[in-house]
Structure formats: structure tokens, C-alpha cells
Protein backbone atom coordinates (compact mmCIF):
# COMPACT_ATOMS: atom_id res chain seq x y z
CA MET A 1 -4.60 -34.55 -18.66
CA ALA A 2 -1.01 -34.18 -17.45
CA GLU A 3 -0.15 -31.45 -14.95
CA TYR A 4 3.15 -29.58 -15.30
CA TRP A 5 4.98 -27.58 -12.64
CA ASP A 6 7.61 -24.87 -12.91
CA ILE A 7 10.91 -25.81 -11.28
CA TYR A 8 12.34 -23.46 -8.63
CA ASN A 9 15.69 -23.24 -6.90
CA GLN A 10 15.87 -23.49 -3.11
CA ASP A 11 16.01 -19.68 -2.85
CA GLY A 12 12.61 -19.45 -4.58
CA SER A 13 13.86 -18.26 -7.95
CA LYS A 14 12.10 -19.83 -10.91
CA THR A 15 14.21 -21.71 -13.43
CA SER A 16 13.33 -22.15 -17.09
CA LYS A 17 12.46 -25.84 -16.52
CA CYS A 18 9.13 -27.59 -16.03
CA VAL A 19 8.41 -31.08 -14.74
CA LYS A 20 5.42 -33.34 -15.24
CA ARG A 21 3.64 -34.18 -11.98
CA GLY A 22 4.90 -37.54 -10.79
CA ASP A 23 8.22 -37.38 -12.64
CA ALA A 24 11.44 -37.51 -10.63
CA MET A 25 13.01 -34.24 -9.55
CA LYS A 26 16.64 -33.58 -8.66
CA ASP A 27 17.60 -32.91 -5.03
CA GLU A 28 17.97 -29.18 -5.59
CA GLU A 29 14.68 -28.81 -7.53
CA TYR A 30 11.42 -27.60 -6.03
CA HIS A 31 7.88 -26.88 -7.18
CA LEU A 32 5.55 -24.25 -5.73
CA VAL A 33 2.61 -25.09 -3.46
CA ALA A 34 0.02 -22.72 -1.98
CA HIS A 35 -1.93 -23.53 1.16
CA VAL A 36 -4.78 -21.36 2.51
CA LEU A 37 -5.95 -21.37 6.12
CA ILE A 38 -9.47 -20.03 6.60
CA LEU A 39 -10.34 -18.42 9.97
CA ASN A 40 -13.57 -17.00 11.37
CA ASP A 41 -14.19 -14.42 14.13
CA GLN A 42 -14.23 -17.14 16.81
CA ASN A 43 -10.63 -18.05 15.85
CA GLU A 44 -11.90 -21.34 14.46
CA LEU A 45 -10.27 -22.91 11.46
CA LEU A 46 -12.18 -24.35 8.53
CA ILE A 47 -11.04 -27.96 8.28
CA GLN A 48 -11.80 -30.37 5.48
CA LYS A 49 -12.15 -34.12 5.34
CA ARG A 50 -10.30 -35.64 2.41
CA THR A 51 -12.26 -38.02 0.18
CA MET A 52 -11.54 -41.74 0.36
CA ASN A 53 -10.13 -41.73 -3.20
CA LYS A 54 -7.25 -39.38 -2.28
CA GLU A 55 -3.81 -40.87 -2.84
CA SER A 56 -2.43 -39.71 0.51
CA TYR A 57 -4.32 -39.62 3.79
CA PRO A 58 -7.74 -40.67 2.44
CA GLY A 59 -10.55 -39.92 4.90
CA TYR A 60 -8.34 -37.79 7.16
CA TRP A 61 -9.11 -34.26 8.29
CA ASP A 62 -6.77 -31.48 7.16
CA PHE A 63 -6.63 -27.73 7.63
CA GLY A 64 -7.28 -25.32 4.83
CA VAL A 65 -7.10 -25.91 1.11
CA GLY A 66 -4.20 -25.98 -1.27
CA GLY A 67 -2.27 -27.57 -4.04
CA SER A 68 0.58 -27.28 -6.48
CA ALA A 69 0.97 -24.32 -8.78
CA VAL A 70 0.88 -25.30 -12.44
CA CYS A 71 3.31 -23.84 -14.99
CA SER A 72 3.16 -20.03 -15.21
CA GLU A 73 1.14 -19.74 -11.98
CA ASP A 74 2.43 -17.82 -8.96
CA SER A 75 1.40 -18.79 -5.44
CA ARG A 76 -1.35 -16.11 -5.23
CA THR A 77 -2.97 -17.38 -8.42
CA CYS A 78 -2.64 -20.96 -7.20
CA ALA A 79 -4.15 -20.06 -3.81
CA HIS A 80 -7.12 -18.37 -5.52
CA ARG A 81 -7.69 -21.32 -7.88
CA GLU A 82 -7.45 -23.97 -5.16
CA LEU A 83 -9.73 -22.06 -2.77
CA LEU A 84 -12.35 -21.61 -5.48
CA GLU A 85 -12.08 -25.21 -6.71
CA GLU A 86 -12.09 -26.97 -3.35
CA VAL A 87 -14.64 -24.96 -1.34
CA GLY A 88 -16.10 -22.33 -3.67
CA ILE A 89 -14.69 -19.24 -1.92
CA ASN A 90 -13.68 -16.42 -4.29
CA HIS A 91 -11.01 -14.41 -2.45
CA ASP A 92 -8.85 -11.71 -4.03
CA PHE A 93 -5.21 -12.54 -3.21
CA SER A 94 -3.75 -9.65 -5.26
CA THR A 95 -2.48 -7.81 -2.16
CA ASP A 96 -2.00 -10.82 0.13
CA VAL A 97 1.46 -11.99 1.06
CA PRO A 98 2.21 -15.45 2.39
CA LEU A 99 2.20 -15.71 6.17
CA LEU A 100 5.05 -18.20 5.96
CA ARG A 101 7.07 -20.19 3.41
CA THR A 102 8.20 -23.66 4.40
CA TYR A 103 10.02 -26.42 2.57
CA GLY A 104 8.70 -29.87 1.86
CA ILE A 105 10.24 -32.66 -0.14
CA HIS A 106 10.81 -30.91 -3.47
CA SER A 107 8.28 -28.21 -2.60
CA LEU A 108 8.22 -24.56 -1.54
CA ILE A 109 5.00 -24.09 0.40
CA ASP A 110 3.43 -20.63 0.78
CA PHE A 111 0.86 -20.40 3.58
CA TYR A 112 -1.85 -17.75 3.33
CA VAL A 113 -4.49 -16.94 5.94
CA ILE A 114 -7.86 -15.42 5.09
CA HIS A 115 -10.93 -14.42 7.07
CA TYR A 116 -14.32 -15.92 6.19
CA GLU A 117 -17.61 -15.83 8.10
CA GLY A 118 -19.78 -18.06 5.92
CA LYS A 119 -21.55 -21.24 6.92
CA CYS A 120 -20.15 -24.65 6.02
CA GLU A 121 -23.37 -25.64 4.27
CA ASP A 122 -23.03 -22.65 1.93
CA LEU A 123 -19.69 -23.84 0.54
CA MET A 124 -19.45 -25.68 -2.78
CA LEU A 125 -17.18 -28.67 -2.12
CA GLN A 126 -15.10 -30.27 -4.85
CA GLN A 127 -16.44 -33.83 -4.67
CA GLU A 128 -13.19 -35.41 -5.91
CA GLU A 129 -11.16 -33.80 -3.12
CA VAL A 130 -13.36 -32.84 -0.14
CA SER A 131 -16.07 -34.95 1.50
CA GLU A 132 -17.04 -32.48 4.25
CA VAL A 133 -15.93 -29.31 6.06
CA SER A 134 -16.31 -28.05 9.61
CA TRP A 135 -15.28 -25.12 11.78
CA ALA A 136 -12.88 -26.34 14.46
CA SER A 137 -11.11 -24.92 17.48
CA MET A 138 -7.50 -25.86 18.19
CA GLU A 139 -8.77 -28.14 20.95
CA LYS A 140 -10.99 -30.02 18.52
CA ILE A 141 -8.10 -30.37 16.06
CA GLU A 142 -5.78 -31.64 18.82
CA GLU A 143 -8.41 -34.24 19.72
CA LEU A 144 -8.71 -35.35 16.08
CA ILE A 145 -4.91 -35.70 15.95
CA LYS A 146 -4.96 -37.87 19.11
CA GLN A 147 -7.67 -40.02 17.51
CA LYS A 148 -5.48 -40.37 14.38
CA LYS A 149 -8.20 -38.75 12.27
CA PHE A 150 -6.23 -35.60 11.37
CA ILE A 151 -3.08 -35.42 9.28
CA SER A 152 -0.45 -35.42 12.02
CA TYR A 153 2.37 -33.79 10.09
CA HIS A 154 0.72 -30.45 10.81
CA GLN A 155 0.54 -30.83 14.58
CA HIS A 156 3.54 -28.56 15.27
CA LEU A 157 3.12 -26.23 12.29
CA LEU A 158 -0.54 -25.39 12.88
CA PRO A 159 -0.12 -23.68 16.31
CA LEU A 160 2.71 -21.59 14.85
CA LEU A 161 0.57 -20.52 11.89
CA MET A 162 -2.37 -19.68 14.17
CA GLU A 163 -0.13 -17.55 16.41
CA MET A 164 1.37 -15.78 13.39
CA ALA A 165 -2.11 -15.10 12.00
CA GLU A 166 -3.19 -13.61 15.32
CA HIS A 167 -0.18 -11.28 15.37
CA ARG A 168 -0.79 -10.25 11.76
CA GLY A 169 -4.38 -9.33 12.65
CA VAL A 170 -6.25 -11.54 10.19
CA HIS A 171 -9.54 -10.66 11.89
CA ASP A 172 -9.11 -6.91 11.39
């Protein structure tokens, strides 16, 4: 089944256009992505290992969960759907605001941070996307990056997000 995305301008305003996932986009066109970081009281981050059938970075560790918003979805709805699909956590995002918005190639990425105290073995992993999860300190993540087992494009963004989450008081 084809997936369609709303097209946004660089300023984040939605246009009246949609694009089919995988189709070419113009330089000034963006689609919306939501990414959710999950922290516990020990300031550990829930990380996930991508399945070997993933198109990009198969078998690598990554932080949080996320994906592209489909047509008519805002980033909160997308964040809720992706969190529920990938790890089985049902979090109400209705009052959450993104911690940060960044730009990727043709994407506007909203980062959310939530607090969760559950055990890894209690999560329901989406078998097509996630092979395992673990709680990890920043030191453990830095070691996985050095070992080339963690998606390295996050190595500078992740400490910033963790510091921003601490200042926002995610654990309160």
C-alpha cells in the first residue's frame, strides 16, 4: 500500500500538495517527521536496534522511535502512532510540544521527549522495524558510536537533545 505525505514549505506551513513516498520532491519541498526520545529516571535513553531488513542502517542502534507523518497527520499524531507501533507505548501527546525542530533532506523533523519507567521486556516491538531495545546511558551510546554500531549522524544532535530535555524538566 502506497504511503502519501503532505508537502510543507521551509517555514513549516502546509501546502495543498501531497507526494507519494519515494517520489522526487522539489528543493523547497519538505515532509513532516516525528521522532520521540524516551527517558527514564536514571537519565537513560531507550535505544532500539533496527532490523536487518531496514533499507537504511540495518542492524544499527538508534535512539527513540519515529517516522514520517502521512497525509492529514500532524507531528503529535505521527509521534503517537509511531510510538505505539514500534514499541507499544501509548502516550498522550495532546499537550506536548516538540523539544526541537530540525531540517533534514526534504524533511522537517519534530523531536519530542517523554518519560517512561517500564521494562524493556514489557514493550511490544514491531518485528518489521525493531529487533531489540535497551536502556542506555550517554556513555554506552558513545561507545556504540565508536564501535560503528550506532547511527553516527546523531552523535552531535543527541547530547543537545538530552541537555534540552534536562532543562525542560522531562523527569518532573
